[in-house]
Protein backbone atom coordinates (compact mmCIF):
# COMPACT_ATOMS: atom_id res chain seq x y z
CA MET A 1 -20.19 80.62 163.51
CA THR A 2 -18.18 80.22 160.09
CA SER A 3 -19.63 82.64 157.31
CA PHE A 4 -19.36 81.02 153.60
CA SER A 5 -17.01 82.38 152.46
CA ALA A 6 -14.73 81.07 155.48
CA THR A 7 -16.03 77.60 153.99
CA LEU A 8 -14.46 78.79 150.36
CA ALA A 9 -11.72 79.99 151.85
CA LEU A 10 -11.38 76.84 154.39
CA GLN A 11 -12.03 74.40 150.83
CA ASP A 12 -8.46 75.79 149.59
CA ALA A 13 -6.40 74.50 153.06
CA ILE A 14 -8.38 70.78 152.71
CA ASP A 15 -7.63 70.95 148.58
CA VAL A 16 -3.31 71.09 149.76
CA ALA A 17 -4.27 68.49 152.04
CA ARG A 18 -5.86 66.18 149.79
CA ALA A 19 -3.03 67.05 146.93
CA CYS A 20 -0.26 66.81 148.80
CA GLU A 21 0.26 63.33 150.64
CA THR A 22 3.04 61.83 151.72
CA ALA A 23 5.58 59.67 149.54
CA TRP A 24 5.41 57.05 152.11
CA PRO A 25 4.27 53.98 150.66
CA ARG A 26 0.47 52.80 151.96
CA SER A 27 1.71 49.33 152.55
CA MET A 28 4.65 51.27 155.08
CA TYR A 29 7.04 48.94 153.40
CA TYR A 30 8.66 49.63 149.86
CA PRO A 31 9.29 47.15 147.04
CA ASP A 32 12.68 46.06 148.52
CA GLY A 33 10.79 44.90 152.07
CA SER A 34 12.53 48.69 153.45
CA TYR A 35 10.43 49.67 156.33
CA VAL A 36 9.33 52.80 156.13
CA GLY A 37 11.04 53.97 159.48
CA ASN A 38 14.37 52.77 158.70
CA VAL A 39 14.15 54.82 155.20
CA GLU A 40 13.45 58.08 156.85
CA TRP A 41 16.21 57.86 159.27
CA ASN A 42 18.56 56.67 156.94
CA GLU A 43 19.05 53.58 160.14
CA SER A 44 21.29 50.45 159.41
CA GLY A 45 23.05 48.45 161.94
CA PRO A 46 22.14 46.37 164.75
CA TRP A 47 19.35 47.99 166.04
CA THR A 48 17.15 48.31 162.91
CA GLU A 49 14.98 44.89 163.77
CA ILE A 50 10.80 45.70 163.43
CA LEU A 51 9.59 44.77 167.00
CA GLY A 52 5.69 45.68 166.86
CA PRO A 53 3.08 45.33 164.48
CA VAL A 54 2.66 47.39 161.32
CA ALA A 55 -0.29 48.74 159.76
CA GLU A 56 -1.44 49.37 156.29
CA ARG A 57 -1.89 53.20 156.38
CA GLY A 58 -5.13 55.14 154.60
CA GLY A 59 -4.87 58.27 152.54
CA PRO A 60 -5.15 61.83 153.23
CA ALA A 61 -7.50 62.55 156.04
CA GLY A 62 -8.10 65.75 158.17
CA VAL A 63 -10.26 67.49 160.90
CA VAL A 64 -10.66 71.33 161.79
CA LEU A 65 -12.44 72.41 165.10
CA HIS A 66 -13.11 75.99 165.67
CA HIS A 67 -14.32 76.52 168.86
CA GLY A 68 -15.16 73.06 169.37
CA LYS A 69 -17.30 72.99 166.74
CA CYS A 70 -16.14 70.84 163.17
CA VAL A 71 -16.19 73.09 160.32
CA ALA A 72 -14.39 70.62 158.36
CA GLU A 73 -13.17 67.16 157.51
CA TRP A 74 -11.83 65.19 154.64
CA GLY A 75 -11.02 61.45 154.08
CA ASP A 76 -11.79 58.61 155.79
CA ALA A 77 -11.48 60.36 159.12
CA ALA A 78 -12.83 57.78 161.30
CA ARG A 79 -10.00 55.34 160.15
CA PRO A 80 -7.94 53.97 162.77
CA ASP A 81 -3.52 54.65 161.11
CA MET A 82 -0.31 54.61 163.11
CA THR A 83 0.54 58.17 164.08
CA PHE A 84 4.20 57.91 165.23
CA SER A 85 5.95 60.31 167.10
CA ILE A 86 2.46 62.07 168.09
CA ALA A 87 2.23 59.77 170.74
CA LYS A 88 4.73 61.45 172.31
CA SER A 89 2.34 63.89 173.58
CA TYR A 90 -0.10 61.83 175.01
CA ILE A 91 2.97 60.37 176.91
CA SER A 92 3.40 64.00 178.00
CA VAL A 93 0.01 64.59 179.05
CA LEU A 94 0.32 60.83 181.20
CA VAL A 95 3.00 62.43 182.86
CA GLY A 96 0.53 65.49 184.28
CA LEU A 97 -1.49 62.67 185.36
CA ALA A 98 0.73 61.09 187.81
CA VAL A 99 1.29 64.63 188.75
CA ALA A 100 -1.84 65.10 189.74
CA ASP A 101 -1.82 61.70 191.65
CA GLY A 102 0.96 62.38 193.62
CA LEU A 103 2.66 59.41 191.64
CA ILE A 104 5.57 62.50 190.48
CA SER A 105 5.74 64.70 193.13
CA ASP A 106 8.23 67.00 191.81
CA LEU A 107 9.98 66.64 188.27
CA ASP A 108 13.08 67.67 189.71
CA ALA A 109 13.15 64.76 191.04
CA PRO A 110 15.80 61.97 189.73
CA VAL A 111 13.88 59.22 188.41
CA GLY A 112 15.64 56.59 190.34
CA GLU A 113 14.07 57.89 193.07
CA THR A 114 10.85 55.90 192.80
CA VAL A 115 11.61 53.61 190.02
CA THR A 116 13.81 50.70 190.91
CA GLY A 117 15.99 48.99 188.33
CA PRO A 118 18.94 49.22 186.64
CA HIS A 119 17.71 51.50 184.00
CA PHE A 120 17.83 54.61 186.49
CA SER A 121 20.62 54.25 188.33
CA GLY A 122 24.43 54.58 188.51
CA SER A 123 26.26 58.07 188.67
CA HIS A 124 25.08 59.05 185.16
CA ASN A 125 21.41 57.45 184.67
CA GLY A 126 21.16 58.07 188.57
CA LYS A 127 21.00 61.81 187.94
CA ILE A 128 18.58 62.13 185.54
CA THR A 129 15.05 63.24 186.71
CA TRP A 130 11.47 63.38 185.05
CA ARG A 131 11.72 66.99 183.87
CA HIS A 132 15.36 65.83 181.67
CA MET A 133 12.98 63.21 180.06
CA LEU A 134 10.72 65.23 179.10
CA GLN A 135 12.56 68.00 177.85
CA MET A 136 14.39 65.35 175.51
CA ASN A 137 17.65 66.30 177.33
CA SER A 138 18.29 63.30 179.54
CA GLU A 139 21.49 61.94 178.22
CA TRP A 140 19.98 58.70 179.09
CA ARG A 141 22.36 56.02 177.89
CA GLY A 142 21.46 52.54 177.89
CA GLU A 143 19.36 49.52 176.09
CA ILE A 144 15.88 49.35 177.12
CA PHE A 145 13.49 46.41 174.96
CA GLY A 146 16.48 45.07 172.55
CA LYS A 147 17.03 48.83 171.67
CA ASP A 148 20.47 50.73 172.10
CA ASP A 149 19.70 54.82 172.69
CA GLN A 150 22.72 54.99 170.31
CA VAL A 151 20.75 53.95 167.30
CA ASP A 152 19.81 57.65 167.50
CA HIS A 153 22.71 59.54 168.22
CA PHE A 154 23.12 62.39 166.06
CA ARG A 155 19.67 62.67 164.90
CA GLN A 156 17.83 64.90 162.63
CA ILE A 157 14.59 65.51 161.99
CA GLY A 158 12.18 67.57 159.57
CA VAL A 159 12.25 68.89 156.41
CA GLY A 160 15.76 68.82 154.95
CA ALA A 161 17.24 66.86 157.89
CA ASP A 162 20.52 65.09 157.37
CA ASN A 163 20.92 61.76 158.80
CA SER A 164 24.04 60.85 157.53
CA ARG A 165 25.98 60.41 161.29
CA LYS A 166 22.94 58.80 162.44
CA GLY A 167 24.08 55.94 164.93
CA GLN A 168 27.43 56.87 165.42
CA GLN A 169 28.12 57.26 168.41
CA ARG A 170 28.50 60.20 170.57
CA GLU A 171 30.40 61.43 174.31
CA VAL A 172 27.20 62.09 176.48
CA GLY A 173 26.89 64.99 178.25
CA GLU A 174 25.59 65.95 182.01
CA PRO A 175 21.71 65.13 182.13
CA GLY A 176 19.76 68.51 181.28
CA SER A 177 22.84 69.88 178.36
CA HIS A 178 22.23 68.61 175.40
CA TYR A 179 18.72 68.00 173.19
CA GLU A 180 18.88 64.61 171.45
CA TYR A 181 15.34 63.63 169.14
CA ASN A 182 15.59 60.07 170.85
CA ASP A 183 12.90 57.42 170.63
CA VAL A 184 14.85 54.72 173.19
CA ARG A 185 14.96 57.38 175.66
CA VAL A 186 11.09 57.81 175.12
CA ASN A 187 10.53 54.17 175.42
CA ALA A 188 12.61 54.19 178.98
CA LEU A 189 9.76 57.17 179.77
CA ALA A 190 7.20 55.47 179.28
CA TYR A 191 8.49 52.18 180.98
CA ALA A 192 9.27 54.23 184.31
CA LEU A 193 5.91 55.98 183.89
CA MET A 194 4.31 52.86 183.80
CA CYS A 195 5.84 51.44 186.51
CA ARG A 196 4.50 54.42 188.88
CA PHE A 197 1.19 54.27 187.27
CA ARG A 198 1.67 50.26 187.97
CA ARG A 199 -0.14 49.80 184.70
CA PRO A 200 -0.38 49.83 181.04
CA LEU A 201 -0.37 53.33 180.04
CA PRO A 202 -3.13 52.28 177.54
CA ASP A 203 -5.29 51.61 180.00
CA VAL A 204 -4.84 54.15 182.25
CA LEU A 205 -4.99 56.82 179.08
CA ARG A 206 -8.32 55.04 178.28
CA GLU A 207 -10.08 55.07 181.52
CA ARG A 208 -9.02 58.64 182.89
CA ILE A 209 -8.87 60.54 179.60
CA MET A 210 -10.21 58.81 176.19
CA CYS A 211 -13.60 57.41 178.15
CA PRO A 212 -14.14 60.55 179.72
CA ILE A 213 -14.20 62.98 176.66
CA GLY A 214 -16.29 60.32 174.33
CA ALA A 215 -13.45 58.86 171.98
CA SER A 216 -14.22 56.15 170.03
CA LYS A 217 -13.08 52.71 171.43
CA ASP A 218 -11.39 51.80 167.76
CA TRP A 219 -7.47 53.47 168.79
CA THR A 220 -5.06 51.20 170.38
CA TRP A 221 -1.42 51.10 171.62
CA GLU A 222 0.80 48.95 171.30
CA GLY A 223 4.20 48.21 172.73
CA TYR A 224 7.36 45.66 171.13
CA SER A 225 7.62 41.63 171.72
CA THR A 226 10.46 42.52 173.60
CA SER A 227 8.93 44.95 175.60
CA TRP A 228 6.88 42.63 178.22
CA ILE A 229 7.35 42.90 181.87
CA GLU A 230 6.34 41.55 184.79
CA LEU A 231 4.97 44.19 187.67
CA ASP A 232 3.62 43.24 191.14
CA GLY A 233 3.42 39.57 189.48
CA GLU A 234 1.16 40.79 186.62
CA ARG A 235 2.11 40.33 182.33
CA MET A 236 2.12 44.13 181.31
CA GLN A 237 3.52 45.62 177.85
CA SER A 238 5.06 48.82 177.77
CA VAL A 239 4.46 50.97 174.83
CA PRO A 240 6.90 53.23 172.99
CA GLY A 241 6.34 56.86 172.02
CA GLY A 242 6.12 55.97 168.37
CA GLY A 243 6.45 53.70 165.29
CA HIS A 244 9.79 53.74 164.77
CA TRP A 245 10.38 50.09 165.15
CA GLY A 246 6.62 49.03 164.59
CA GLY A 247 3.87 49.19 167.71
CA GLY A 248 3.04 52.51 168.33
CA MET A 249 -0.79 54.06 168.39
CA VAL A 250 -3.10 53.46 165.95
CA ILE A 251 -5.74 56.12 166.24
CA SER A 252 -7.89 57.98 163.90
CA ALA A 253 -8.17 61.71 163.11
CA ARG A 254 -11.68 62.35 164.79
CA ASP A 255 -10.20 61.32 168.38
CA HIS A 256 -6.64 63.05 168.11
CA ALA A 257 -9.13 65.81 167.62
CA ARG A 258 -11.02 65.32 170.63
CA PHE A 259 -8.31 64.48 172.28
CA GLY A 260 -6.86 68.06 170.73
CA LEU A 261 -10.09 70.06 171.79
CA PHE A 262 -9.52 68.89 175.81
CA ILE A 263 -5.65 69.48 175.56
CA SER A 264 -7.22 73.58 174.14
CA GLN A 265 -9.34 73.39 176.94
CA ASN A 266 -6.64 73.09 179.62
CA GLY A 267 -7.07 69.11 180.36
CA ALA A 268 -10.35 70.18 181.43
CA TRP A 269 -14.00 68.31 180.08
CA ASP A 270 -17.65 69.00 180.80
CA GLY A 271 -15.93 71.09 183.86
CA LYS A 272 -13.68 68.67 185.39
CA GLN A 273 -10.23 69.66 186.01
CA ILE A 274 -9.01 66.18 184.84
CA LEU A 275 -4.90 67.09 184.30
CA PRO A 276 -3.21 69.91 186.81
CA ALA A 277 -4.78 73.43 186.17
CA ASP A 278 -1.40 74.39 185.45
CA TRP A 279 0.16 71.57 183.37
CA MET A 280 -0.27 72.62 180.34
CA GLN A 281 1.35 75.54 181.17
CA ARG A 282 4.47 74.39 181.81
CA SER A 283 4.21 71.42 179.60
CA LEU A 284 4.65 74.78 176.82
CA GLU A 285 7.94 76.20 178.26
CA PRO A 286 10.47 76.31 175.68
CA THR A 287 13.66 74.07 176.89
CA PRO A 288 16.63 75.34 177.74
CA THR A 289 18.45 73.29 175.22
CA LEU A 290 15.44 73.76 172.40
CA ASP A 291 13.58 76.86 171.79
CA LYS A 292 10.96 75.34 170.03
CA TYR A 293 9.99 72.35 172.44
CA GLY A 294 8.31 72.22 175.54
CA PHE A 295 7.52 68.66 177.40
CA LEU A 296 7.31 66.32 174.18
CA TRP A 297 5.07 69.47 172.50
CA TRP A 298 5.98 70.97 169.48
CA LEU A 299 6.20 75.30 169.85
CA ASN A 300 5.81 77.13 167.48
CA ARG A 301 8.98 79.73 168.78
CA GLY A 302 12.10 80.50 168.65
CA ARG A 303 14.10 80.97 165.08
CA ASP A 304 12.25 78.69 163.52
CA ALA A 305 8.95 80.04 164.32
CA ASN A 306 6.56 80.63 161.69
CA PRO A 307 5.09 84.58 161.95
CA ASN A 308 2.34 83.83 159.94
CA LEU A 309 0.85 81.93 162.77
CA SER A 310 0.36 82.51 166.60
CA SER A 311 3.63 82.13 169.13
CA ARG A 312 1.28 80.30 171.75
CA ALA A 313 0.52 77.16 168.90
CA PHE A 314 1.75 74.33 169.74
CA SER A 315 1.39 70.45 168.08
CA GLY A 316 2.09 66.79 168.35
CA GLN A 317 4.50 65.52 165.07
CA GLY A 318 4.55 62.34 163.75
CA ALA A 319 6.44 60.83 160.76
CA GLY A 320 4.81 60.19 157.82
CA GLY A 321 3.01 63.88 157.96
CA ASN A 322 1.08 63.15 160.70
CA SER A 323 0.40 66.49 163.39
CA LEU A 324 -1.83 67.30 165.99
CA TRP A 325 -1.74 71.17 165.98
CA ILE A 326 -3.49 73.70 168.45
CA SER A 327 -4.02 77.17 168.27
CA PRO A 328 -5.68 78.63 171.88
CA ASP A 329 -5.30 81.95 170.33
CA ASP A 330 -7.16 81.36 167.35
CA GLY A 331 -9.54 78.60 168.72
CA ILE A 332 -8.41 76.33 166.35
CA VAL A 333 -7.81 72.25 166.39
CA ALA A 334 -6.61 70.79 163.69
CA VAL A 335 -5.80 67.09 162.82
CA MET A 336 -3.78 66.08 159.63
CA ARG A 337 -2.76 62.61 158.24
CA TRP A 338 -0.37 61.79 155.54
CA LEU A 339 -0.17 65.45 154.85
CA ASN A 340 3.74 65.84 153.54
CA PRO A 341 5.64 67.61 156.00
CA GLY A 342 6.77 70.46 153.26
CA ASP A 343 3.24 71.55 152.73
CA GLN A 344 2.03 71.51 156.67
CA GLN A 345 2.83 75.17 157.21
CA GLU A 346 0.39 76.62 153.60
CA PHE A 347 -1.98 74.21 154.89
CA LEU A 348 -2.10 75.76 158.56
CA GLU A 349 -1.43 79.30 156.91
CA LYS A 350 -5.00 78.60 154.66
CA THR A 351 -7.05 77.23 157.59
CA VAL A 352 -6.31 80.40 159.98
CA ALA A 353 -6.71 82.90 157.33
CA ALA A 354 -10.34 81.48 156.29
CA LEU A 355 -11.59 80.84 159.64
CA GLN A 356 -10.45 84.92 160.80
CA ARG A 357 -13.07 86.14 157.82
C-alpha cells in the first residue's frame, strides 16, 4: 500500500510530467504546414508523403501502476492519442502470439520460407529471419507501401540525435550485421506477420489480448492509403509500427497501462498464459548489434543505462515523448504521454524513489 509520504513524493514526479511537455504542436503540424515527423527526423526527398490519418494530440497525461494498483494518474488518461513507435512493442508481442500458435516455428528461419512474394525473396532478403526483423538488424532492402527503406538509412533517434545524413543511401551488410532503426523494415515485419495470421493485426490484438485484459474499445490501429492488400480473397490493411507517415496506433494511457500490466505478468492474465511462458525473457535479451535493444523493446542495459533504475527495466518508446515503462523489480508500470524525452529519466527516478518509501 502506498504511504502518504510516498504519495507526496510521487506528486513531485507528476509535477515534472505536467511541466515538461513536448515541444511538438498539438495539431501535429507546424505553422508552415510541416508534419512533426518530417521535422523531427530531418526528412526530405521522395518519401515524405503522409499516407495515413493524423490525429491532433492532447496534453500531458499518464498513469502509474504499483503492483497492479493505480497509484497516480494525470491529464486525460482516457483520451486516445497517437503513440508512434510504442506500436513496435505491440508488434513484438503479436510475434509471440504467432509463435504460440505455431505460425512461426523458428525465429531463425527465413521469413521467406512461409511468407511468399517479392519482399522476402532473392539472394539478400531471402536470408532474413524473423529474429533479424525483431532485432532491427535485418538490413532488409526494398520498397513497401510506397516507402523505400533508404529513407531511414543513417537515422538516429533519442536526445541529441544527428540526422544530418538521414536518407542518404548506404551499402547494406549481411542480415544480422548492423542495427538501424528503420520504420520501413518494421512495416515489412508487420506485413509478414499479417500474412502468417491471415488477418489484420488490429483484429488479432483486439481478440487475443486487448479484450481479454479488459482494455477499452476506444483504441485504433490504422495503416496507409497504400497498404491495402488482398489476402485469401479479402481486402485488408497492413498497419505500421508507428506514426512516421501518419496512421499507427491511437490509444489511451489507461489502455497502455493495462497492456503494460499484462506484459509485466509475463504475458499472462487471470491465470491464463496467453504468450509463450518464455516469450518476454527471449524478448528482453540484448541483441548482438545493440546492447540496449531486444525484440522491439528498449532495455536499461549497456553503456547508456541509467544506474539509478533497475537493469531489468524496459520500455516501449514513441516519438513526441510517449513511453510505456516497466520495471519488474519495482512492480511498476508507468505510462508517459507527451513528456519531453530529456525529462523522462528524472520522472522515472522520482517515481521509483517515491514508491520505494
